[in-house]
Every structure is written in C-alpha cells, then in structure tokens.
PDB file of N, CA and C in Angstrom:
ATOM      1  N   UNK A   1      97.567  94.071  96.587  1.00  0.00           N
ATOM      2  CA  UNK A   1      98.350  93.730  95.406  1.00  0.00           C
ATOM      3  C   UNK A   1      97.851  94.456  94.167  1.00  0.00           C
ATOM      4  N   UNK A   2      96.611  94.894  94.212  1.00  0.00           N
ATOM      5  CA  UNK A   2      96.057  95.559  93.039  1.00  0.00           C
ATOM      6  C   UNK A   2      96.761  96.886  92.773  1.00  0.00           C
ATOM      7  N   UNK A   3      97.171  97.587  93.833  1.00  0.00           N
ATOM      8  CA  UNK A   3      97.867  98.862  93.662  1.00  0.00           C
ATOM      9  C   UNK A   3      99.232  98.623  93.009  1.00  0.00           C
ATOM     10  N   UNK A   4      99.932  97.581  93.429  1.00  0.00           N
ATOM     11  CA  UNK A   4     101.242  97.278  92.855  1.00  0.00           C
ATOM     12  C   UNK A   4     101.098  96.904  91.388  1.00  0.00           C
ATOM     13  N   UNK A   5     100.108  96.094  91.064  1.00  0.00           N
ATOM     14  CA  UNK A   5      99.875  95.694  89.679  1.00  0.00           C
ATOM     15  C   UNK A   5      99.576  96.911  88.806  1.00  0.00           C
ATOM     16  N   UNK A   6      98.758  97.816  89.327  1.00  0.00           N
ATOM     17  CA  UNK A   6      98.420  99.032  88.586  1.00  0.00           C
ATOM     18  C   UNK A   6      99.657  99.908  88.388  1.00  0.00           C
ATOM     19  N   UNK A   7     100.511  99.985  89.404  1.00  0.00           N
ATOM     20  CA  UNK A   7     101.719 100.788  89.312  1.00  0.00           C
ATOM     21  C   UNK A   7     102.641 100.263  88.207  1.00  0.00           C
ATOM     22  N   UNK A   8     102.841  98.925  88.193  1.00  0.00           N
ATOM     23  CA  UNK A   8     103.704  98.360  87.154  1.00  0.00           C
ATOM     24  C   UNK A   8     103.076  98.473  85.775  1.00  0.00           C
ATOM     25  N   UNK A   9     101.771  98.417  85.697  1.00  0.00           N
ATOM     26  CA  UNK A   9     101.085  98.579  84.417  1.00  0.00           C
ATOM     27  C   UNK A   9     101.309  99.985  83.865  1.00  0.00           C
ATOM     28  N   UNK A  10     101.187 100.977  84.725  1.00  0.00           N
ATOM     29  CA  UNK A  10     101.414 102.360  84.281  1.00  0.00           C
ATOM     30  C   UNK A  10     102.875 102.581  83.908  1.00  0.00           C
ATOM     31  N   UNK A  11     103.792 102.007  84.710  1.00  0.00           N
ATOM     32  CA  UNK A  11     105.220 102.156  84.421  1.00  0.00           C
ATOM     33  C   UNK A  11     105.565 101.502  83.090  1.00  0.00           C
ATOM     34  N   UNK A  12     105.035 100.320  82.847  1.00  0.00           N
ATOM     35  CA  UNK A  12     105.275  99.621  81.587  1.00  0.00           C
ATOM     36  C   UNK A  12     104.728 100.392  80.399  1.00  0.00           C
ATOM     37  N   UNK A  13     103.572 100.990  80.552  1.00  0.00           N
ATOM     38  CA  UNK A  13     102.997 101.781  79.470  1.00  0.00           C
ATOM     39  C   UNK A  13     103.853 103.008  79.175  1.00  0.00           C
ATOM     40  N   UNK A  14     104.367 103.639  80.221  1.00  0.00           N
ATOM     41  CA  UNK A  14     105.208 104.823  80.026  1.00  0.00           C
ATOM     42  C   UNK A  14     106.503 104.455  79.313  1.00  0.00           C
ATOM     43  N   UNK A  15     107.106 103.321  79.701  1.00  0.00           N
ATOM     44  CA  UNK A  15     108.337 102.883  79.051  1.00  0.00           C
ATOM     45  C   UNK A  15     108.064 102.504  77.601  1.00  0.00           C
ATOM     46  N   UNK A  16     106.947 101.860  77.339  1.00  0.00           N
ATOM     47  CA  UNK A  16     106.611 101.457  75.973  1.00  0.00           C
ATOM     48  C   UNK A  16     106.394 102.677  75.077  1.00  0.00           C
ATOM     49  N   UNK A  17     105.787 103.730  75.624  1.00  0.00           N
ATOM     50  CA  UNK A  17     105.581 104.941  74.823  1.00  0.00           C
ATOM     51  C   UNK A  17     106.896 105.638  74.508  1.00  0.00           C
ATOM     52  N   UNK A  18     107.854 105.562  75.408  1.00  0.00           N
ATOM     53  CA  UNK A  18     109.123 106.284  75.239  1.00  0.00           C
ATOM     54  C   UNK A  18     110.280 105.313  75.070  1.00  0.00           C
ATOM     55  N   UNK A  19     110.071 104.222  74.336  1.00  0.00           N
ATOM     56  CA  UNK A  19     111.081 103.169  74.293  1.00  0.00           C
ATOM     57  C   UNK A  19     112.390 103.615  73.660  1.00  0.00           C
ATOM     58  N   UNK A  20     112.366 104.531  72.710  1.00  0.00           N
ATOM     59  CA  UNK A  20     113.630 104.991  72.104  1.00  0.00           C
ATOM     60  C   UNK A  20     114.431 105.820  73.100  1.00  0.00           C
ATOM     61  N   UNK A  21     113.749 106.661  73.877  1.00  0.00           N
ATOM     62  CA  UNK A  21     114.444 107.465  74.887  1.00  0.00           C
ATOM     63  C   UNK A  21     115.044 106.559  75.957  1.00  0.00           C
ATOM     64  N   UNK A  22     114.286 105.545  76.372  1.00  0.00           N
ATOM     65  CA  UNK A  22     114.776 104.608  77.384  1.00  0.00           C
ATOM     66  C   UNK A  22     115.972 103.823  76.855  1.00  0.00           C
ATOM     67  N   UNK A  23     115.903 103.401  75.597  1.00  0.00           N
ATOM     68  CA  UNK A  23     117.002 102.650  74.993  1.00  0.00           C
ATOM     69  C   UNK A  23     118.269 103.496  74.904  1.00  0.00           C
ATOM     70  N   UNK A  24     118.143 104.724  74.442  1.00  0.00           N
ATOM     71  CA  UNK A  24     119.303 105.608  74.323  1.00  0.00           C
ATOM     72  C   UNK A  24     119.884 105.917  75.702  1.00  0.00           C
ATOM     73  N   UNK A  25     119.037 106.146  76.696  1.00  0.00           N
ATOM     74  CA  UNK A  25     119.523 106.431  78.045  1.00  0.00           C
ATOM     75  C   UNK A  25     120.267 105.230  78.627  1.00  0.00           C
ATOM     76  N   UNK A  26     119.752 104.026  78.387  1.00  0.00           N
ATOM     77  CA  UNK A  26     120.421 102.825  78.897  1.00  0.00           C
ATOM     78  C   UNK A  26     121.767 102.611  78.208  1.00  0.00           C
ATOM     79  N   UNK A  27     121.827 102.807  76.908  1.00  0.00           N
ATOM     80  CA  UNK A  27     123.100 102.659  76.188  1.00  0.00           C
ATOM     81  C   UNK A  27     124.103 103.720  76.626  1.00  0.00           C
ATOM     82  N   UNK A  28     123.638 104.937  76.816  1.00  0.00           N
ATOM     83  CA  UNK A  28     124.515 106.002  77.267  1.00  0.00           C
ATOM     84  C   UNK A  28     125.057 105.711  78.664  1.00  0.00           C
ATOM     85  N   UNK A  29     124.214 105.219  79.551  1.00  0.00           N
ATOM     86  CA  UNK A  29     124.670 104.861  80.889  1.00  0.00           C
ATOM     87  C   UNK A  29     125.693 103.733  80.837  1.00  0.00           C
ATOM     88  N   UNK A  30     125.489 102.755  79.946  1.00  0.00           N
ATOM     89  CA  UNK A  30     126.437 101.649  79.818  1.00  0.00           C
ATOM     90  C   UNK A  30     127.787 102.142  79.296  1.00  0.00           C
ATOM     91  N   UNK A  31     127.779 103.030  78.325  1.00  0.00           N
ATOM     92  CA  UNK A  31     129.031 103.566  77.774  1.00  0.00           C
ATOM     93  C   UNK A  31     129.765 104.408  78.818  1.00  0.00           C
ATOM     94  N   UNK A  32     129.040 105.243  79.535  1.00  0.00           N
ATOM     95  CA  UNK A  32     129.673 106.089  80.552  1.00  0.00           C
ATOM     96  C   UNK A  32     130.253 105.236  81.676  1.00  0.00           C
ATOM     97  N   UNK A  33     129.478 104.259  82.151  1.00  0.00           N
ATOM     98  CA  UNK A  33     129.985 103.427  83.242  1.00  0.00           C
ATOM     99  C   UNK A  33     131.141 102.552  82.771  1.00  0.00           C
ATOM    100  N   UNK A  34     131.109 102.095  81.545  1.00  0.00           N
ATOM    101  CA  UNK A  34     132.223 101.306  81.011  1.00  0.00           C
ATOM    102  C   UNK A  34     133.498 102.119  80.882  1.00  0.00           C
ATOM    103  N   UNK A  35     133.373 103.341  80.363  1.00  0.00           N
ATOM    104  CA  UNK A  35     134.557 104.185  80.240  1.00  0.00           C
ATOM    105  C   UNK A  35     135.081 104.605  81.609  1.00  0.00           C
ATOM    106  N   UNK A  36     134.185 104.795  82.560  1.00  0.00           N
ATOM    107  CA  UNK A  36     134.620 105.114  83.926  1.00  0.00           C
ATOM    108  C   UNK A  36     135.371 103.930  84.534  1.00  0.00           C
ATOM    109  N   UNK A  37     134.860 102.748  84.314  1.00  0.00           N
ATOM    110  CA  UNK A  37     135.521 101.546  84.840  1.00  0.00           C
ATOM    111  C   UNK A  37     136.898 101.331  84.232  1.00  0.00           C
ATOM    112  N   UNK A  38     137.017 101.570  82.931  1.00  0.00           N
ATOM    113  CA  UNK A  38     138.317 101.443  82.275  1.00  0.00           C
ATOM    114  C   UNK A  38     139.280 102.497  82.809  1.00  0.00           C
ATOM    115  N   UNK A  39     138.790 103.709  82.998  1.00  0.00           N
ATOM    116  CA  UNK A  39     139.633 104.796  83.504  1.00  0.00           C
ATOM    117  C   UNK A  39     140.106 104.526  84.926  1.00  0.00           C
ATOM    118  N   UNK A  40     139.241 104.002  85.751  1.00  0.00           N
ATOM    119  CA  UNK A  40     139.617 103.715  87.136  1.00  0.00           C
ATOM    120  C   UNK A  40     140.615 102.575  87.184  1.00  0.00           C
ATOM    121  N   UNK A  41     140.409 101.557  86.340  1.00  0.00           N
ATOM    122  CA  UNK A  41     141.298 100.395  86.353  1.00  0.00           C
ATOM    123  C   UNK A  41     142.690 100.693  85.843  1.00  0.00           C
ATOM    124  N   UNK A  42     142.839 101.689  84.977  1.00  0.00           N
ATOM    125  CA  UNK A  42     144.151 101.973  84.404  1.00  0.00           C
ATOM    126  C   UNK A  42     144.944 102.977  85.207  1.00  0.00           C
ATOM    127  N   UNK A  43     144.431 103.431  86.329  1.00  0.00           N
ATOM    128  CA  UNK A  43     145.099 104.446  87.131  1.00  0.00           C
ATOM    129  C   UNK A  43     145.896 103.778  88.256  1.00  0.00           C
ATOM    130  N   UNK A  44     146.899 102.967  87.880  1.00  0.00           N
ATOM    131  CA  UNK A  44     147.673 102.256  88.901  1.00  0.00           C
ATOM    132  C   UNK A  44     149.056 102.862  89.123  1.00  0.00           C
ATOM    133  N   UNK A  45     149.299 103.986  88.501  1.00  0.00           N
ATOM    134  CA  UNK A  45     150.453 104.793  88.794  1.00  0.00           C
ATOM    135  C   UNK A  45     151.766 104.201  88.530  1.00  0.00           C
TER     136      UNK A  45
END
C-alpha cells in the first residue's frame, strides 16, 4: 500500500503545481463534450 500512497502523493503534488492548467483543461473538455452532445442530439433529420 505504500507504493500506492506514494503514487497518489506525487500525482496530487503535480496537480497542485499545475492547478490552472488542470482547471482550464477540465473546463475545455466539459465545453467540448457539451457541444458535442448538443450537436448529436439535434441531428434527428
């Protein structure tokens, strides 16, 4: 379990250092997936 704990600790530190990049990437993914979902739903011919 110590290896898993260390892995999450390093991952958390990396995300904390780059929190603005992570935030922008998450928002961009949400906007893209939302617009894709709207586009797919409106294509009923």
